[in-house]
Amino acid sequence: MKLRTKRLDHGIELKILIDHPMETGRRRDEASGLTVPAHYIRSLTVEVNARRVIQADLGTSIARNPYFAFRLGDCRPEDRIKVSWQDNRGGSESQETRVE
């Protein structure tokens, strides 16, 4: 997962890029003809200084290696931003960054 922050006049812009296959469970493998099992991100959470500011429930309609961008108000330099996700197979990742 890659996180980037950019300061704006009123808050910041947070950009998130997640390396994930995001399979719907409907696609067939060309070589075997078998259905590729579903594998997608179910939830995405953004916290600022341990306070949840975004909770998103996702599904199979999100593209592979999803990119998200959010504008967060009231963020100051040195605030800690934590982004976490969990998928339908129990996989998860969390990463923190500080506002520059």
C-alpha atoms as a PDB file:
ATOM      1  CA  MET A   1       0.000   0.000   0.000  1.00  0.00           C
ATOM      2  CA  LYS A   2       1.262   3.471  -0.837  1.00  0.00           C
ATOM      3  CA  LEU A   3       0.095   6.597   0.984  1.00  0.00           C
ATOM      4  CA  ARG A   4       0.678  10.193  -0.066  1.00  0.00           C
ATOM      5  CA  THR A   5      -0.491  13.410   1.537  1.00  0.00           C
ATOM      6  CA  LYS A   6      -0.636  16.850   0.013  1.00  0.00           C
ATOM      7  CA  ARG A   7      -1.363  19.969   2.021  1.00  0.00           C
ATOM      8  CA  LEU A   8      -4.259  22.094   0.843  1.00  0.00           C
ATOM      9  CA  ASP A   9      -5.536  25.476   2.029  1.00  0.00           C
ATOM     10  CA  HIS A  10      -8.024  23.755   4.324  1.00  0.00           C
ATOM     11  CA  GLY A  11      -6.698  20.320   5.343  1.00  0.00           C
ATOM     12  CA  ILE A  12      -4.991  17.705   3.192  1.00  0.00           C
ATOM     13  CA  GLU A  13      -5.558  15.396   0.272  1.00  0.00           C
ATOM     14  CA  LEU A  14      -4.843  11.744   1.073  1.00  0.00           C
ATOM     15  CA  LYS A  15      -4.038   9.409  -1.829  1.00  0.00           C
ATOM     16  CA  ILE A  16      -4.057   5.640  -1.328  1.00  0.00           C
ATOM     17  CA  LEU A  17      -2.886   2.953  -3.772  1.00  0.00           C
ATOM     18  CA  ILE A  18      -3.480  -0.656  -2.728  1.00  0.00           C
ATOM     19  CA  ASP A  19      -1.847  -3.647  -4.442  1.00  0.00           C
ATOM     20  CA  HIS A  20      -4.713  -6.178  -4.548  1.00  0.00           C
ATOM     21  CA  PRO A  21      -6.143  -8.512  -7.264  1.00  0.00           C
ATOM     22  CA  MET A  22      -9.825  -7.624  -6.594  1.00  0.00           C
ATOM     23  CA  GLU A  23     -11.358 -10.748  -8.174  1.00  0.00           C
ATOM     24  CA  THR A  24     -15.165 -10.803  -8.429  1.00  0.00           C
ATOM     25  CA  GLY A  25     -15.561 -14.579  -8.381  1.00  0.00           C
ATOM     26  CA  ARG A  26     -17.201 -14.490 -11.820  1.00  0.00           C
ATOM     27  CA  ARG A  27     -14.171 -14.518 -14.127  1.00  0.00           C
ATOM     28  CA  ARG A  28     -13.036 -17.796 -15.692  1.00  0.00           C
ATOM     29  CA  ASP A  29      -9.366 -18.712 -15.947  1.00  0.00           C
ATOM     30  CA  GLU A  30      -8.518 -18.968 -19.650  1.00  0.00           C
ATOM     31  CA  ALA A  31      -6.139 -21.892 -19.228  1.00  0.00           C
ATOM     32  CA  SER A  32      -8.230 -24.149 -16.969  1.00  0.00           C
ATOM     33  CA  GLY A  33     -11.754 -22.865 -17.636  1.00  0.00           C
ATOM     34  CA  LEU A  34     -12.404 -22.815 -13.875  1.00  0.00           C
ATOM     35  CA  THR A  35     -13.935 -19.846 -12.084  1.00  0.00           C
ATOM     36  CA  VAL A  36     -11.364 -17.712 -10.262  1.00  0.00           C
ATOM     37  CA  PRO A  37     -12.451 -17.500  -6.587  1.00  0.00           C
ATOM     38  CA  ALA A  38     -13.613 -14.139  -5.233  1.00  0.00           C
ATOM     39  CA  HIS A  39     -10.867 -12.074  -3.581  1.00  0.00           C
ATOM     40  CA  TYR A  40     -11.740  -8.460  -2.863  1.00  0.00           C
ATOM     41  CA  ILE A  41     -11.339  -5.748  -0.239  1.00  0.00           C
ATOM     42  CA  ARG A  42     -14.354  -5.625   2.074  1.00  0.00           C
ATOM     43  CA  SER A  43     -13.539  -2.603   4.226  1.00  0.00           C
ATOM     44  CA  LEU A  44     -11.276   0.440   4.225  1.00  0.00           C
ATOM     45  CA  THR A  45     -10.711   2.597   7.314  1.00  0.00           C
ATOM     46  CA  VAL A  46      -8.910   5.928   7.662  1.00  0.00           C
ATOM     47  CA  GLU A  47      -7.992   7.268  11.107  1.00  0.00           C
ATOM     48  CA  VAL A  48      -6.483  10.639  11.993  1.00  0.00           C
ATOM     49  CA  ASN A  49      -4.721  10.631  15.377  1.00  0.00           C
ATOM     50  CA  ALA A  50      -6.532   7.365  16.290  1.00  0.00           C
ATOM     51  CA  ARG A  51      -9.976   8.884  15.473  1.00  0.00           C
ATOM     52  CA  ARG A  52     -11.879   7.133  12.673  1.00  0.00           C
ATOM     53  CA  VAL A  53     -12.815   9.632   9.965  1.00  0.00           C
ATOM     54  CA  ILE A  54     -13.664   7.269   7.085  1.00  0.00           C
ATOM     55  CA  GLN A  55     -15.200   3.786   7.140  1.00  0.00           C
ATOM     56  CA  ALA A  56     -15.958   2.376   3.691  1.00  0.00           C
ATOM     57  CA  ASP A  57     -17.604  -0.955   2.903  1.00  0.00           C
ATOM     58  CA  LEU A  58     -16.374  -2.126  -0.496  1.00  0.00           C
ATOM     59  CA  GLY A  59     -17.324  -4.950  -2.828  1.00  0.00           C
ATOM     60  CA  THR A  60     -16.454  -6.720  -6.045  1.00  0.00           C
ATOM     61  CA  SER A  61     -17.059  -3.731  -8.331  1.00  0.00           C
ATOM     62  CA  ILE A  62     -13.763  -2.033  -7.395  1.00  0.00           C
ATOM     63  CA  ALA A  63     -10.933  -2.371  -9.954  1.00  0.00           C
ATOM     64  CA  ARG A  64      -7.682  -4.281  -9.427  1.00  0.00           C
ATOM     65  CA  ASN A  65      -5.031  -2.301  -7.489  1.00  0.00           C
ATOM     66  CA  PRO A  66      -7.558   0.298  -6.325  1.00  0.00           C
ATOM     67  CA  TYR A  67      -6.712   3.971  -5.964  1.00  0.00           C
ATOM     68  CA  PHE A  68      -8.599   6.211  -3.546  1.00  0.00           C
ATOM     69  CA  ALA A  69      -8.302   9.948  -2.866  1.00  0.00           C
ATOM     70  CA  PHE A  70      -9.925  11.810   0.029  1.00  0.00           C
ATOM     71  CA  ARG A  71      -9.851  15.385   1.258  1.00  0.00           C
ATOM     72  CA  LEU A  72      -9.543  15.629   5.022  1.00  0.00           C
ATOM     73  CA  GLY A  73     -10.151  18.920   6.801  1.00  0.00           C
ATOM     74  CA  ASP A  74      -8.604  19.997  10.100  1.00  0.00           C
ATOM     75  CA  CYS A  75      -5.349  18.104   9.540  1.00  0.00           C
ATOM     76  CA  ARG A  76      -2.188  19.739  10.771  1.00  0.00           C
ATOM     77  CA  PRO A  77       1.498  19.013  10.253  1.00  0.00           C
ATOM     78  CA  GLU A  78       2.613  15.980  12.267  1.00  0.00           C
ATOM     79  CA  ASP A  79      -0.906  14.510  12.527  1.00  0.00           C
ATOM     80  CA  ARG A  80      -0.799  10.710  12.205  1.00  0.00           C
ATOM     81  CA  ILE A  81      -2.929   9.097   9.517  1.00  0.00           C
ATOM     82  CA  LYS A  82      -3.537   5.348   9.598  1.00  0.00           C
ATOM     83  CA  VAL A  83      -5.119   3.484   6.692  1.00  0.00           C
ATOM     84  CA  SER A  84      -6.296  -0.119   7.094  1.00  0.00           C
ATOM     85  CA  TRP A  85      -8.098  -2.578   4.849  1.00  0.00           C
ATOM     86  CA  GLN A  86      -9.424  -6.115   5.189  1.00  0.00           C
ATOM     87  CA  ASP A  87     -10.434  -8.520   2.416  1.00  0.00           C
ATOM     88  CA  ASN A  88     -12.937 -11.365   2.167  1.00  0.00           C
ATOM     89  CA  ARG A  89     -10.237 -14.009   2.737  1.00  0.00           C
ATOM     90  CA  GLY A  90      -9.019 -12.557   6.035  1.00  0.00           C
ATOM     91  CA  GLY A  91      -6.095 -10.665   4.510  1.00  0.00           C
ATOM     92  CA  SER A  92      -5.399  -7.200   5.833  1.00  0.00           C
ATOM     93  CA  GLU A  93      -2.870  -4.398   5.862  1.00  0.00           C
ATOM     94  CA  SER A  94      -2.345  -1.214   7.844  1.00  0.00           C
ATOM     95  CA  GLN A  95       0.017   1.646   7.243  1.00  0.00           C
ATOM     96  CA  GLU A  96       0.666   4.967   8.951  1.00  0.00           C
ATOM     97  CA  THR A  97       2.022   8.249   7.693  1.00  0.00           C
ATOM     98  CA  ARG A  98       2.431  11.726   9.104  1.00  0.00           C
ATOM     99  CA  VAL A  99       1.141  14.903   7.501  1.00  0.00           C
ATOM    100  CA  GLU A 100       4.109  16.907   6.234  1.00  0.00           C
END
